Protein backbone atom coordinates (compact mmCIF):
# COMPACT_ATOMS: atom_id res chain seq x y z
CA UNK A 1 -0.53 5.88 3.63
CA UNK A 2 2.51 5.07 1.31
CA UNK A 3 6.02 7.16 1.67
CA UNK A 4 5.55 9.39 -1.39
CA UNK A 5 2.60 10.63 -0.32
CA UNK A 6 3.63 11.03 3.30
CA UNK A 7 6.78 13.02 1.87
CA UNK A 8 4.75 15.32 -0.17
CA UNK A 9 2.29 16.00 2.54
CA UNK A 10 5.16 16.93 4.94
CA UNK A 11 7.17 18.97 2.34
CA UNK A 12 4.27 20.88 1.52
CA UNK A 13 3.51 21.85 5.20
CA UNK A 14 6.95 22.85 5.74
CA UNK A 15 6.63 24.99 2.38
CA UNK A 16 3.03 26.02 3.32
CA UNK A 17 3.33 29.92 2.28
CA UNK A 18 5.36 29.17 -1.14
CA UNK A 19 2.95 26.31 -2.32
CA UNK A 20 -0.17 28.19 -1.33
CA UNK A 21 0.79 31.08 -3.48
CA UNK A 22 1.34 28.73 -6.27
CA UNK A 23 -1.77 27.02 -5.68
CA UNK A 24 -3.76 30.38 -5.72
CA UNK A 25 -1.99 31.51 -8.78
CA UNK A 26 -2.81 28.39 -10.79
CA UNK A 27 -6.12 28.53 -9.61
CA UNK A 28 -6.50 32.33 -10.53
CA UNK A 29 -5.48 31.15 -14.07
CA UNK A 30 -7.55 28.07 -14.41
CA UNK A 31 -9.99 29.41 -17.00
CA UNK A 32 -7.22 29.95 -19.42
CA UNK A 33 -7.45 28.12 -22.65
CA UNK A 34 -3.97 27.22 -22.47
CA UNK A 35 -4.02 26.52 -18.53
CA UNK A 36 -4.61 22.81 -18.97
CA UNK A 37 -2.02 22.02 -21.65
CA UNK A 38 0.42 24.36 -19.61
CA UNK A 39 0.20 22.61 -16.38
CA UNK A 40 -0.08 19.24 -18.19
CA UNK A 41 3.33 19.95 -19.94
CA UNK A 42 4.83 21.09 -16.46
CA UNK A 43 4.03 17.60 -15.23
CA UNK A 44 6.12 15.86 -17.68
CA UNK A 45 8.84 18.18 -16.59
CA UNK A 46 8.40 17.74 -12.87
CA UNK A 47 8.17 13.98 -13.35
CA UNK A 48 11.36 13.95 -15.17
CA UNK A 49 12.97 15.82 -12.06
CA UNK A 50 11.31 13.98 -9.31
CA UNK A 51 9.71 17.11 -7.66
CA UNK A 52 7.19 15.22 -5.74
CA UNK A 53 5.56 18.25 -3.97
CA UNK A 54 5.12 20.07 -7.56
CA UNK A 55 3.62 17.34 -9.13
CA UNK A 56 0.80 16.85 -6.26
CA UNK A 57 -0.04 20.80 -6.73
CA UNK A 58 -0.16 20.26 -10.54
CA UNK A 59 -2.52 17.22 -10.24
CA UNK A 60 -4.52 18.82 -7.62
CA UNK A 61 -5.05 21.73 -10.08
CA UNK A 62 -5.98 19.53 -12.65
CA UNK A 63 -2.86 18.51 -14.92
CA UNK A 64 -3.69 15.61 -17.39
CA UNK A 65 -2.02 12.16 -16.40
CA UNK A 66 -2.79 11.10 -20.08
CA UNK A 67 -0.95 14.24 -21.56
CA UNK A 68 1.88 13.02 -23.94
CA UNK A 69 5.13 14.78 -24.89
CA UNK A 70 4.57 16.13 -28.28
CA UNK A 71 7.67 14.81 -29.71
CA UNK A 72 8.11 11.25 -27.84
CA UNK A 73 4.43 10.74 -27.11
CA UNK A 74 5.69 9.64 -23.60
CA UNK A 75 3.50 10.47 -20.60
CA UNK A 76 4.76 11.66 -17.20
CA UNK A 77 4.66 8.06 -16.06
CA UNK A 78 6.84 7.13 -19.03
CA UNK A 79 9.21 9.82 -18.28
CA UNK A 80 9.44 9.16 -14.47
CA UNK A 81 10.50 5.58 -15.43
CA UNK A 82 12.96 6.72 -17.87
CA UNK A 83 14.67 8.99 -15.21
CA UNK A 84 14.28 6.34 -12.59
CA UNK A 85 12.03 8.40 -10.36
CA UNK A 86 10.31 5.51 -8.46
CA UNK A 87 8.48 7.84 -5.93
CA UNK A 88 7.13 9.80 -8.94
CA UNK A 89 6.01 6.59 -10.40
CA UNK A 90 4.16 5.90 -7.20
CA UNK A 91 2.31 9.11 -7.00
CA UNK A 92 1.41 9.07 -10.66
CA UNK A 93 -0.25 5.58 -10.53
CA UNK A 94 -1.99 6.28 -7.22
CA UNK A 95 -3.50 9.28 -8.88
CA UNK A 96 -4.98 7.38 -12.02
CA UNK A 97 -1.83 7.01 -14.20
CA UNK A 98 -2.58 4.22 -16.66
CA UNK A 99 0.32 1.78 -15.40
CA UNK A 100 -0.01 -0.29 -18.74
CA UNK A 101 -0.13 2.64 -21.28
CA UNK A 102 1.98 1.96 -24.34
CA UNK A 103 3.53 5.05 -26.24
CA UNK A 104 2.23 5.73 -29.68
CA UNK A 105 5.54 5.32 -31.50
CA UNK A 106 7.63 2.52 -30.07
CA UNK A 107 4.50 0.59 -28.42
CA UNK A 108 6.53 0.67 -24.97
CA UNK A 109 4.69 0.52 -21.75
CA UNK A 110 6.10 1.81 -18.53
CA UNK A 111 7.20 -1.76 -17.72
CA UNK A 112 9.08 -2.07 -20.96
CA UNK A 113 11.22 0.90 -20.30
CA UNK A 114 12.05 0.03 -16.62
CA UNK A 115 13.13 -3.43 -17.89
CA UNK A 116 15.49 -1.89 -20.60
CA UNK A 117 18.19 -0.66 -18.01
CA UNK A 118 19.53 -2.25 -14.78
CA UNK A 119 19.57 1.33 -13.29
CA UNK A 120 15.80 1.58 -13.58
CA UNK A 121 15.47 -1.55 -11.13
CA UNK A 122 13.87 0.71 -8.54
CA UNK A 123 11.12 1.53 -10.96
CA UNK A 124 10.46 -2.10 -12.23
CA UNK A 125 10.01 -3.07 -8.89
CA UNK A 126 7.56 -0.33 -8.04
CA UNK A 127 5.54 -1.09 -11.33
CA UNK A 128 5.47 -4.45 -10.34
CA UNK A 129 4.21 -3.75 -6.77
CA UNK A 130 1.66 -1.30 -8.13
CA UNK A 131 0.13 -4.07 -10.51
CA UNK A 132 1.53 -3.71 -13.77
CA UNK A 133 0.61 -6.37 -16.21
CA UNK A 134 3.67 -8.38 -17.01
CA UNK A 135 1.55 -10.41 -19.54
CA UNK A 136 0.16 -7.25 -21.65
CA UNK A 137 -0.13 -7.79 -25.11
CA UNK A 138 2.21 -5.64 -27.45
CA UNK A 139 0.56 -3.93 -30.59
CA UNK A 140 0.74 -7.06 -32.58
CA UNK A 141 -1.36 -8.93 -29.69
CA UNK A 142 1.64 -10.91 -28.41
């Protein structure tokens, strides 16, 4: 078991009552037509802030890992990389996020974004450890 997963589990155990209440509330409203979009948008925000326990709960309750920000078209994984949140990167990839997904505007993969700034080196290393394709083709096939 990896460190982010262990941290999330230990945090959830310590905060059991609060997160149990949150989980029950999310389950109660899961039939709402706005539910999935709402929790998926929330995943973008918790990815930005690096809130691993909140992300784990949102994922358990059906947040869509492929949901894109309506302005930037970034997924939670792109946002976690931009905010240098390597633990979040690992959690998202372990839960099925497409590690090589390119955004629709600039065609940037998470690996491309991580390599743009030296401060994102922890995310770059984590993406490589998790199997990001360094030879992935761009929109022009190069």
